[in-house]
Amino acid sequence: MEQAVFTLHVGKSPYTDPYLITKLLSLRPPLYPNIQVHLTTKLAPELTQDLLSGSLDIAFLADMPESASLSGRLVLDLPFT
């Protein structure tokens, strides 16, 4: 039986660490072997709107705007050099 292809819509800001995105794109979770990642780059306010509208599943932002409808988690904390 062929497994369905699952598309994960990911947004990132232009300031997101490229290493983080490379690692994300290399992951292949066992429950989703046919996962496809659709990556888009936008600024934080646009990414927030895309999350709220449902056109993105997840976004990586350098500075997440306040929103009662969204939750966030710190993934990486690096000082600017």
C-alpha atoms as a PDB file:
ATOM      1  CA  MET A   1       0.000   0.000   0.000  1.00  0.00           C
ATOM      2  CA  GLU A   2       1.426   3.369  -1.018  1.00  0.00           C
ATOM      3  CA  GLN A   3       1.573   6.051   1.670  1.00  0.00           C
ATOM      4  CA  ALA A   4       0.146   9.498   1.012  1.00  0.00           C
ATOM      5  CA  VAL A   5       2.443  12.442   0.485  1.00  0.00           C
ATOM      6  CA  PHE A   6       2.215  14.986   3.288  1.00  0.00           C
ATOM      7  CA  THR A   7       3.216  18.615   2.631  1.00  0.00           C
ATOM      8  CA  LEU A   8       4.468  20.745   5.509  1.00  0.00           C
ATOM      9  CA  HIS A   9       4.255  24.473   4.768  1.00  0.00           C
ATOM     10  CA  VAL A  10       7.148  26.206   6.536  1.00  0.00           C
ATOM     11  CA  GLY A  11       7.868  29.902   6.651  1.00  0.00           C
ATOM     12  CA  LYS A  12      11.085  31.570   7.729  1.00  0.00           C
ATOM     13  CA  SER A  13      12.300  35.094   8.134  1.00  0.00           C
ATOM     14  CA  PRO A  14      15.354  36.203   6.164  1.00  0.00           C
ATOM     15  CA  TYR A  15      17.177  36.364   9.517  1.00  0.00           C
ATOM     16  CA  THR A  16      16.684  32.678  10.376  1.00  0.00           C
ATOM     17  CA  ASP A  17      19.913  30.731  10.821  1.00  0.00           C
ATOM     18  CA  PRO A  18      20.507  28.807   7.555  1.00  0.00           C
ATOM     19  CA  TYR A  19      21.901  25.836   9.545  1.00  0.00           C
ATOM     20  CA  LEU A  20      18.557  25.444  11.332  1.00  0.00           C
ATOM     21  CA  ILE A  21      16.670  25.315   8.039  1.00  0.00           C
ATOM     22  CA  THR A  22      19.174  22.867   6.511  1.00  0.00           C
ATOM     23  CA  LYS A  23      18.680  20.531   9.476  1.00  0.00           C
ATOM     24  CA  LEU A  24      14.897  20.862   9.230  1.00  0.00           C
ATOM     25  CA  LEU A  25      14.898  19.997   5.539  1.00  0.00           C
ATOM     26  CA  SER A  26      17.073  16.932   6.159  1.00  0.00           C
ATOM     27  CA  LEU A  27      14.676  15.381   8.709  1.00  0.00           C
ATOM     28  CA  ARG A  28      12.550  12.433   7.624  1.00  0.00           C
ATOM     29  CA  PRO A  29      10.243  11.400  10.488  1.00  0.00           C
ATOM     30  CA  PRO A  30       9.380   7.665  10.472  1.00  0.00           C
ATOM     31  CA  LEU A  31       5.638   8.360  10.602  1.00  0.00           C
ATOM     32  CA  TYR A  32       5.863  10.599   7.518  1.00  0.00           C
ATOM     33  CA  PRO A  33       8.409   9.048   5.131  1.00  0.00           C
ATOM     34  CA  ASN A  34       6.876  10.855   2.143  1.00  0.00           C
ATOM     35  CA  ILE A  35       6.866  14.314   3.717  1.00  0.00           C
ATOM     36  CA  GLN A  36       7.528  17.253   1.433  1.00  0.00           C
ATOM     37  CA  VAL A  37       8.535  20.635   2.830  1.00  0.00           C
ATOM     38  CA  HIS A  38       7.382  23.771   1.049  1.00  0.00           C
ATOM     39  CA  LEU A  39       9.623  26.616   2.272  1.00  0.00           C
ATOM     40  CA  THR A  40       8.841  30.315   1.921  1.00  0.00           C
ATOM     41  CA  THR A  41      10.759  33.385   3.105  1.00  0.00           C
ATOM     42  CA  LYS A  42       8.926  36.488   4.310  1.00  0.00           C
ATOM     43  CA  LEU A  43       9.177  39.120   7.023  1.00  0.00           C
ATOM     44  CA  ALA A  44       7.730  38.417  10.474  1.00  0.00           C
ATOM     45  CA  PRO A  45       4.419  40.327  10.055  1.00  0.00           C
ATOM     46  CA  GLU A  46       3.677  38.480   6.787  1.00  0.00           C
ATOM     47  CA  LEU A  47       4.587  35.119   8.322  1.00  0.00           C
ATOM     48  CA  THR A  48       2.290  35.862  11.255  1.00  0.00           C
ATOM     49  CA  GLN A  49      -0.596  36.580   8.885  1.00  0.00           C
ATOM     50  CA  ASP A  50       0.118  33.376   6.941  1.00  0.00           C
ATOM     51  CA  LEU A  51       0.062  31.371  10.185  1.00  0.00           C
ATOM     52  CA  LEU A  52      -3.228  32.963  11.224  1.00  0.00           C
ATOM     53  CA  SER A  53      -4.787  32.310   7.806  1.00  0.00           C
ATOM     54  CA  GLY A  54      -3.648  28.681   7.849  1.00  0.00           C
ATOM     55  CA  SER A  55      -1.453  28.889   4.765  1.00  0.00           C
ATOM     56  CA  LEU A  56       1.605  28.021   6.913  1.00  0.00           C
ATOM     57  CA  ASP A  57       1.923  25.139   9.359  1.00  0.00           C
ATOM     58  CA  ILE A  58       4.997  26.488  11.151  1.00  0.00           C
ATOM     59  CA  ALA A  59       7.257  29.526  10.922  1.00  0.00           C
ATOM     60  CA  PHE A  60      10.712  30.421  12.184  1.00  0.00           C
ATOM     61  CA  LEU A  61      10.912  34.087  13.124  1.00  0.00           C
ATOM     62  CA  ALA A  62      13.645  36.268  14.545  1.00  0.00           C
ATOM     63  CA  ASP A  63      11.032  38.357  16.387  1.00  0.00           C
ATOM     64  CA  MET A  64       7.464  37.074  16.744  1.00  0.00           C
ATOM     65  CA  PRO A  65       4.777  39.750  16.961  1.00  0.00           C
ATOM     66  CA  GLU A  66       2.304  39.484  19.857  1.00  0.00           C
ATOM     67  CA  SER A  67      -0.807  37.463  19.004  1.00  0.00           C
ATOM     68  CA  ALA A  68      -3.345  35.804  21.286  1.00  0.00           C
ATOM     69  CA  SER A  69      -4.048  33.272  18.515  1.00  0.00           C
ATOM     70  CA  LEU A  70      -0.468  32.001  18.142  1.00  0.00           C
ATOM     71  CA  SER A  71       1.990  30.306  20.440  1.00  0.00           C
ATOM     72  CA  GLY A  72       5.736  30.257  20.082  1.00  0.00           C
ATOM     73  CA  ARG A  73       8.766  28.360  21.332  1.00  0.00           C
ATOM     74  CA  LEU A  74      12.371  29.420  21.480  1.00  0.00           C
ATOM     75  CA  VAL A  75      14.329  27.108  19.191  1.00  0.00           C
ATOM     76  CA  LEU A  76      17.703  28.823  19.034  1.00  0.00           C
ATOM     77  CA  ASP A  77      19.180  31.767  20.919  1.00  0.00           C
ATOM     78  CA  LEU A  78      22.316  33.220  19.392  1.00  0.00           C
ATOM     79  CA  PRO A  79      23.782  36.697  19.870  1.00  0.00           C
ATOM     80  CA  PHE A  80      24.265  38.824  16.798  1.00  0.00           C
ATOM     81  CA  THR A  81      27.956  39.232  16.046  1.00  0.00           C
END
